[in-house]
N, C-alpha and C. Protein backbone atom coordinates (compact mmCIF):
# COMPACT_ATOMS: atom_id res chain seq x y z
N PHE A 1 137.43 105.50 138.66
CA PHE A 1 136.98 106.03 137.39
C PHE A 1 135.51 105.74 137.18
N PHE A 2 134.86 106.65 136.49
CA PHE A 2 133.47 106.43 136.14
C PHE A 2 133.39 106.02 134.68
N PHE A 3 132.67 104.97 134.43
CA PHE A 3 132.48 104.49 133.07
C PHE A 3 131.02 104.64 132.70
N GLN A 4 130.78 105.06 131.49
CA GLN A 4 129.41 105.23 131.04
C GLN A 4 129.10 104.13 130.03
N ALA A 5 128.02 103.41 130.29
CA ALA A 5 127.60 102.34 129.39
C ALA A 5 126.72 102.92 128.29
N GLU A 6 126.27 102.04 127.41
CA GLU A 6 125.46 102.50 126.28
C GLU A 6 124.13 103.09 126.70
N ASP A 7 123.63 102.68 127.87
CA ASP A 7 122.31 103.16 128.29
C ASP A 7 122.39 104.48 129.05
N GLY A 8 123.58 105.05 129.23
CA GLY A 8 123.71 106.34 129.87
C GLY A 8 123.82 106.28 131.37
N ILE A 9 123.84 105.09 131.98
CA ILE A 9 123.95 104.96 133.43
C ILE A 9 125.42 104.96 133.80
N ARG A 10 125.81 105.83 134.74
CA ARG A 10 127.20 105.90 135.16
C ARG A 10 127.38 105.04 136.41
N ASP A 11 128.38 104.21 136.39
CA ASP A 11 128.70 103.35 137.52
C ASP A 11 130.18 103.44 137.81
N PHE A 12 130.52 103.23 139.08
CA PHE A 12 131.93 103.11 139.42
C PHE A 12 132.29 101.64 139.33
N CYS A 13 132.88 101.29 138.23
CA CYS A 13 133.18 99.89 137.97
C CYS A 13 134.29 99.85 136.94
N LEU A 14 135.27 99.02 137.19
CA LEU A 14 136.38 98.95 136.25
C LEU A 14 136.00 98.26 134.95
N SER A 15 135.26 97.19 135.07
CA SER A 15 134.89 96.46 133.86
C SER A 15 133.50 95.88 134.04
N ARG A 16 132.67 96.11 133.08
CA ARG A 16 131.32 95.57 133.14
C ARG A 16 130.95 95.11 131.74
N GLY A 17 130.46 93.91 131.65
CA GLY A 17 130.09 93.38 130.34
C GLY A 17 128.81 94.00 129.82
N LEU A 18 128.53 93.78 128.56
CA LEU A 18 127.32 94.34 127.96
C LEU A 18 126.05 93.70 128.50
N GLY A 19 126.17 92.53 129.11
CA GLY A 19 124.98 91.86 129.64
C GLY A 19 124.26 92.69 130.69
N ASP A 20 125.03 93.39 131.53
CA ASP A 20 124.42 94.23 132.56
C ASP A 20 123.64 95.38 131.96
N VAL A 21 124.14 95.92 130.87
CA VAL A 21 123.46 97.03 130.22
C VAL A 21 122.10 96.59 129.72
N TYR A 22 122.04 95.44 129.10
CA TYR A 22 120.77 94.99 128.52
C TYR A 22 119.83 94.45 129.57
N LYS A 23 120.34 93.98 130.69
CA LYS A 23 119.47 93.50 131.76
C LYS A 23 118.75 94.66 132.44
N ARG A 24 119.39 95.83 132.48
CA ARG A 24 118.78 96.96 133.17
C ARG A 24 117.82 97.75 132.30
N GLN A 25 117.73 97.42 131.03
CA GLN A 25 116.80 98.14 130.18
C GLN A 25 115.38 97.68 130.48
N GLY A 26 114.41 98.53 130.21
CA GLY A 26 113.02 98.21 130.48
C GLY A 26 112.51 97.10 129.57
N LYS A 27 111.30 96.68 129.86
CA LYS A 27 110.68 95.63 129.04
C LYS A 27 110.48 96.14 127.62
N GLN A 28 110.65 95.24 126.69
CA GLN A 28 110.38 95.58 125.29
C GLN A 28 108.88 95.52 125.06
N CYS A 29 108.36 96.44 124.32
CA CYS A 29 106.95 96.40 123.99
C CYS A 29 106.80 96.60 122.48
N ALA A 30 105.76 96.05 121.97
CA ALA A 30 105.54 96.13 120.53
C ALA A 30 104.99 97.50 120.17
N SER A 31 105.44 98.01 119.07
CA SER A 31 104.87 99.26 118.57
C SER A 31 104.01 98.91 117.35
N TYR A 32 102.89 99.55 117.27
CA TYR A 32 101.96 99.26 116.19
C TYR A 32 102.15 100.28 115.09
N GLY A 33 102.41 99.79 113.90
CA GLY A 33 102.55 100.66 112.75
C GLY A 33 101.24 100.77 112.00
N ILE A 34 101.20 101.68 111.09
CA ILE A 34 99.97 101.88 110.33
C ILE A 34 99.68 100.69 109.41
N GLY A 35 100.73 99.99 108.99
CA GLY A 35 100.53 98.82 108.15
C GLY A 35 99.85 97.67 108.86
N ASP A 36 99.99 97.62 110.19
CA ASP A 36 99.32 96.58 110.96
C ASP A 36 97.81 96.72 110.88
N PHE A 37 97.34 97.94 110.79
CA PHE A 37 95.90 98.16 110.77
C PHE A 37 95.33 98.31 109.36
N ILE A 38 96.13 98.83 108.43
CA ILE A 38 95.61 99.04 107.08
C ILE A 38 95.32 97.73 106.37
N SER A 39 96.21 96.76 106.51
CA SER A 39 96.00 95.50 105.80
C SER A 39 94.74 94.79 106.30
N VAL A 40 94.55 94.76 107.61
CA VAL A 40 93.34 94.14 108.16
C VAL A 40 92.13 95.01 107.86
N GLY A 41 92.30 96.32 107.90
CA GLY A 41 91.20 97.23 107.58
C GLY A 41 90.71 97.07 106.15
N LEU A 42 91.63 96.84 105.23
CA LEU A 42 91.23 96.59 103.84
C LEU A 42 90.42 95.31 103.71
N LEU A 43 90.80 94.29 104.47
CA LEU A 43 90.05 93.04 104.45
C LEU A 43 88.65 93.23 105.05
N ILE A 44 88.57 94.00 106.11
CA ILE A 44 87.26 94.27 106.71
C ILE A 44 86.40 95.08 105.74
N CYS A 45 86.99 96.03 105.03
CA CYS A 45 86.26 96.82 104.02
C CYS A 45 85.79 95.93 102.88
N LEU A 46 86.61 94.97 102.47
CA LEU A 46 86.21 94.03 101.43
C LEU A 46 84.98 93.24 101.88
N GLY A 47 85.00 92.76 103.12
CA GLY A 47 83.85 92.03 103.65
C GLY A 47 82.61 92.90 103.75
N TYR A 48 82.79 94.14 104.16
CA TYR A 48 81.65 95.05 104.28
C TYR A 48 81.05 95.36 102.90
N ARG A 49 81.93 95.59 101.94
CA ARG A 49 81.44 95.91 100.60
C ARG A 49 80.73 94.72 99.97
N TYR A 50 81.27 93.53 100.15
CA TYR A 50 80.62 92.34 99.59
C TYR A 50 79.28 92.10 100.29
N ASP A 51 79.22 92.35 101.60
CA ASP A 51 77.96 92.19 102.32
C ASP A 51 76.91 93.19 101.85
N ARG A 52 77.31 94.40 101.55
CA ARG A 52 76.35 95.37 101.02
C ARG A 52 75.87 94.98 99.64
N PHE A 53 76.77 94.38 98.84
CA PHE A 53 76.42 93.94 97.50
C PHE A 53 75.43 92.78 97.54
N THR A 54 75.63 91.85 98.46
CA THR A 54 74.77 90.66 98.54
C THR A 54 73.66 90.79 99.57
N LYS A 55 73.55 91.93 100.23
CA LYS A 55 72.53 92.19 101.25
C LYS A 55 72.59 91.17 102.39
N SER A 56 73.80 90.85 102.81
CA SER A 56 74.00 89.96 103.95
C SER A 56 74.87 90.67 104.98
N PHE A 57 75.14 90.01 106.07
CA PHE A 57 75.93 90.62 107.12
C PHE A 57 76.92 89.59 107.68
N VAL A 58 77.51 88.78 106.79
CA VAL A 58 78.33 87.65 107.21
C VAL A 58 79.82 88.01 107.23
N TYR A 59 80.35 88.44 106.11
CA TYR A 59 81.80 88.59 105.97
C TYR A 59 82.37 89.76 106.75
N TYR A 60 81.57 90.78 106.95
CA TYR A 60 81.99 91.90 107.78
C TYR A 60 82.22 91.43 109.22
N LEU A 61 81.26 90.69 109.75
CA LEU A 61 81.40 90.17 111.10
C LEU A 61 82.51 89.13 111.21
N VAL A 62 82.63 88.28 110.21
CA VAL A 62 83.66 87.24 110.23
C VAL A 62 85.05 87.86 110.24
N SER A 63 85.26 88.89 109.43
CA SER A 63 86.58 89.52 109.39
C SER A 63 86.88 90.27 110.69
N ILE A 64 85.88 90.86 111.31
CA ILE A 64 86.09 91.53 112.60
C ILE A 64 86.36 90.51 113.70
N VAL A 65 85.64 89.40 113.70
CA VAL A 65 85.89 88.35 114.68
C VAL A 65 87.30 87.79 114.50
N GLY A 66 87.73 87.58 113.26
CA GLY A 66 89.09 87.13 113.00
C GLY A 66 90.12 88.11 113.49
N PHE A 67 89.85 89.41 113.31
CA PHE A 67 90.77 90.44 113.81
C PHE A 67 90.85 90.41 115.33
N ILE A 68 89.73 90.23 115.99
CA ILE A 68 89.71 90.18 117.46
C ILE A 68 90.46 88.95 117.96
N ILE A 69 90.30 87.82 117.27
CA ILE A 69 91.05 86.61 117.65
C ILE A 69 92.54 86.84 117.47
N GLY A 70 92.94 87.40 116.33
CA GLY A 70 94.35 87.67 116.07
C GLY A 70 94.94 88.67 117.05
N LEU A 71 94.18 89.70 117.39
CA LEU A 71 94.65 90.68 118.36
C LEU A 71 94.79 90.06 119.74
N SER A 72 93.86 89.17 120.10
CA SER A 72 93.94 88.49 121.39
C SER A 72 95.17 87.59 121.47
N VAL A 73 95.46 86.88 120.38
CA VAL A 73 96.66 86.04 120.36
C VAL A 73 97.91 86.90 120.47
N HIS A 74 97.91 88.03 119.77
CA HIS A 74 99.06 88.93 119.84
C HIS A 74 99.26 89.47 121.26
N LEU A 75 98.19 89.89 121.90
CA LEU A 75 98.30 90.41 123.26
C LEU A 75 98.73 89.34 124.24
N PHE A 76 98.28 88.09 124.03
CA PHE A 76 98.73 86.98 124.87
C PHE A 76 100.23 86.76 124.70
N MET A 77 100.67 86.74 123.45
CA MET A 77 102.09 86.55 123.18
C MET A 77 102.93 87.67 123.80
N GLN A 78 102.44 88.88 123.72
CA GLN A 78 103.18 90.02 124.24
C GLN A 78 103.19 90.02 125.76
N SER A 79 102.09 89.66 126.39
CA SER A 79 101.98 89.75 127.85
C SER A 79 102.64 88.59 128.57
N TYR A 80 102.37 87.38 128.12
CA TYR A 80 102.79 86.22 128.89
C TYR A 80 104.09 85.59 128.39
N ILE A 81 104.35 85.67 127.11
CA ILE A 81 105.56 85.06 126.57
C ILE A 81 106.63 86.12 126.32
N HIS A 82 106.28 87.38 126.45
CA HIS A 82 107.19 88.53 126.27
C HIS A 82 107.79 88.54 124.87
N SER A 83 106.96 88.28 123.90
CA SER A 83 107.39 88.32 122.50
C SER A 83 106.97 89.66 121.91
N THR A 84 107.85 90.27 121.14
CA THR A 84 107.56 91.59 120.58
C THR A 84 107.38 91.53 119.07
N VAL A 85 106.71 90.51 118.60
CA VAL A 85 106.47 90.40 117.17
C VAL A 85 105.33 91.32 116.77
N SER A 86 105.26 91.63 115.52
CA SER A 86 104.27 92.56 115.00
C SER A 86 102.87 91.95 115.06
N MET A 87 101.90 92.81 115.24
CA MET A 87 100.52 92.36 115.32
C MET A 87 100.04 91.77 114.01
N ILE A 88 100.61 92.21 112.89
CA ILE A 88 100.15 91.75 111.59
C ILE A 88 100.39 90.26 111.39
N LEU A 89 101.35 89.69 112.11
CA LEU A 89 101.63 88.26 112.00
C LEU A 89 100.51 87.41 112.57
N PHE A 90 99.67 87.98 113.41
CA PHE A 90 98.56 87.23 113.99
C PHE A 90 97.21 87.71 113.47
N ALA A 91 97.03 89.02 113.37
CA ALA A 91 95.72 89.57 113.02
C ALA A 91 95.34 89.28 111.57
N LEU A 92 96.26 89.46 110.65
CA LEU A 92 95.92 89.25 109.24
C LEU A 92 95.65 87.78 108.91
N PRO A 93 96.49 86.83 109.34
CA PRO A 93 96.15 85.43 109.03
C PRO A 93 94.85 84.97 109.68
N CYS A 94 94.58 85.42 110.90
CA CYS A 94 93.32 85.02 111.54
C CYS A 94 92.12 85.60 110.80
N SER A 95 92.21 86.86 110.46
CA SER A 95 91.10 87.53 109.79
C SER A 95 90.91 86.99 108.37
N ALA A 96 92.00 86.89 107.61
CA ALA A 96 91.89 86.38 106.23
C ALA A 96 91.56 84.90 106.21
N GLY A 97 92.15 84.14 107.14
CA GLY A 97 91.88 82.70 107.18
C GLY A 97 90.43 82.40 107.51
N LEU A 98 89.88 83.11 108.47
CA LEU A 98 88.48 82.88 108.84
C LEU A 98 87.55 83.32 107.71
N THR A 99 87.85 84.43 107.06
CA THR A 99 87.05 84.88 105.93
C THR A 99 87.14 83.89 104.77
N PHE A 100 88.33 83.40 104.50
CA PHE A 100 88.53 82.41 103.45
C PHE A 100 87.76 81.13 103.75
N PHE A 101 87.82 80.67 105.00
CA PHE A 101 87.13 79.44 105.38
C PHE A 101 85.62 79.57 105.25
N VAL A 102 85.07 80.69 105.71
CA VAL A 102 83.61 80.88 105.62
C VAL A 102 83.17 81.01 104.17
N SER A 103 83.93 81.71 103.36
CA SER A 103 83.55 81.83 101.94
C SER A 103 83.67 80.49 101.22
N TYR A 104 84.61 79.67 101.61
CA TYR A 104 84.73 78.33 101.02
C TYR A 104 83.55 77.46 101.40
N ARG A 105 83.16 77.52 102.68
CA ARG A 105 82.02 76.71 103.16
C ARG A 105 80.70 77.16 102.55
N ARG A 106 80.59 78.43 102.20
CA ARG A 106 79.35 78.94 101.61
C ARG A 106 79.38 78.93 100.09
N ASN A 107 80.42 78.37 99.50
CA ASN A 107 80.60 78.30 98.04
C ASN A 107 80.59 79.68 97.39
N GLN A 108 81.17 80.65 98.04
CA GLN A 108 81.27 82.01 97.51
C GLN A 108 82.72 82.45 97.39
N LEU A 109 83.62 81.52 97.30
CA LEU A 109 85.04 81.84 97.30
C LEU A 109 85.43 82.65 96.07
N LYS A 110 84.95 82.24 94.90
CA LYS A 110 85.29 82.97 93.66
C LYS A 110 84.67 84.36 93.66
N GLU A 111 83.45 84.48 94.13
CA GLU A 111 82.78 85.79 94.12
C GLU A 111 83.45 86.77 95.07
N LEU A 112 83.83 86.28 96.26
CA LEU A 112 84.39 87.18 97.27
C LEU A 112 85.81 87.62 96.88
N TRP A 113 86.64 86.71 96.43
CA TRP A 113 88.02 87.05 96.14
C TRP A 113 88.18 87.44 94.70
């Protein structure tokens, strides 16, 4: 008899557990949603707007550097640890945390936020 598993592969096998089905599936990869980029993009826009208001170029760069750090951590987690968590879990805290830290050190925390 031919049995069809959930993944559509037909095998001649009387009994096969679900473990075989999931072992034969491809690697999981993270999908990026629009929310992953909008939340960080809004923070970058906030930094850009504040920099234009104060005629400086600090918070725009800080938020972009934080985004790059968060994206790098996400890609490391996805590539080497095979974790499929959302990018927003790394990119937003890195970007917002670095922006928060720099604004605190420059005594501009109330003005920026």
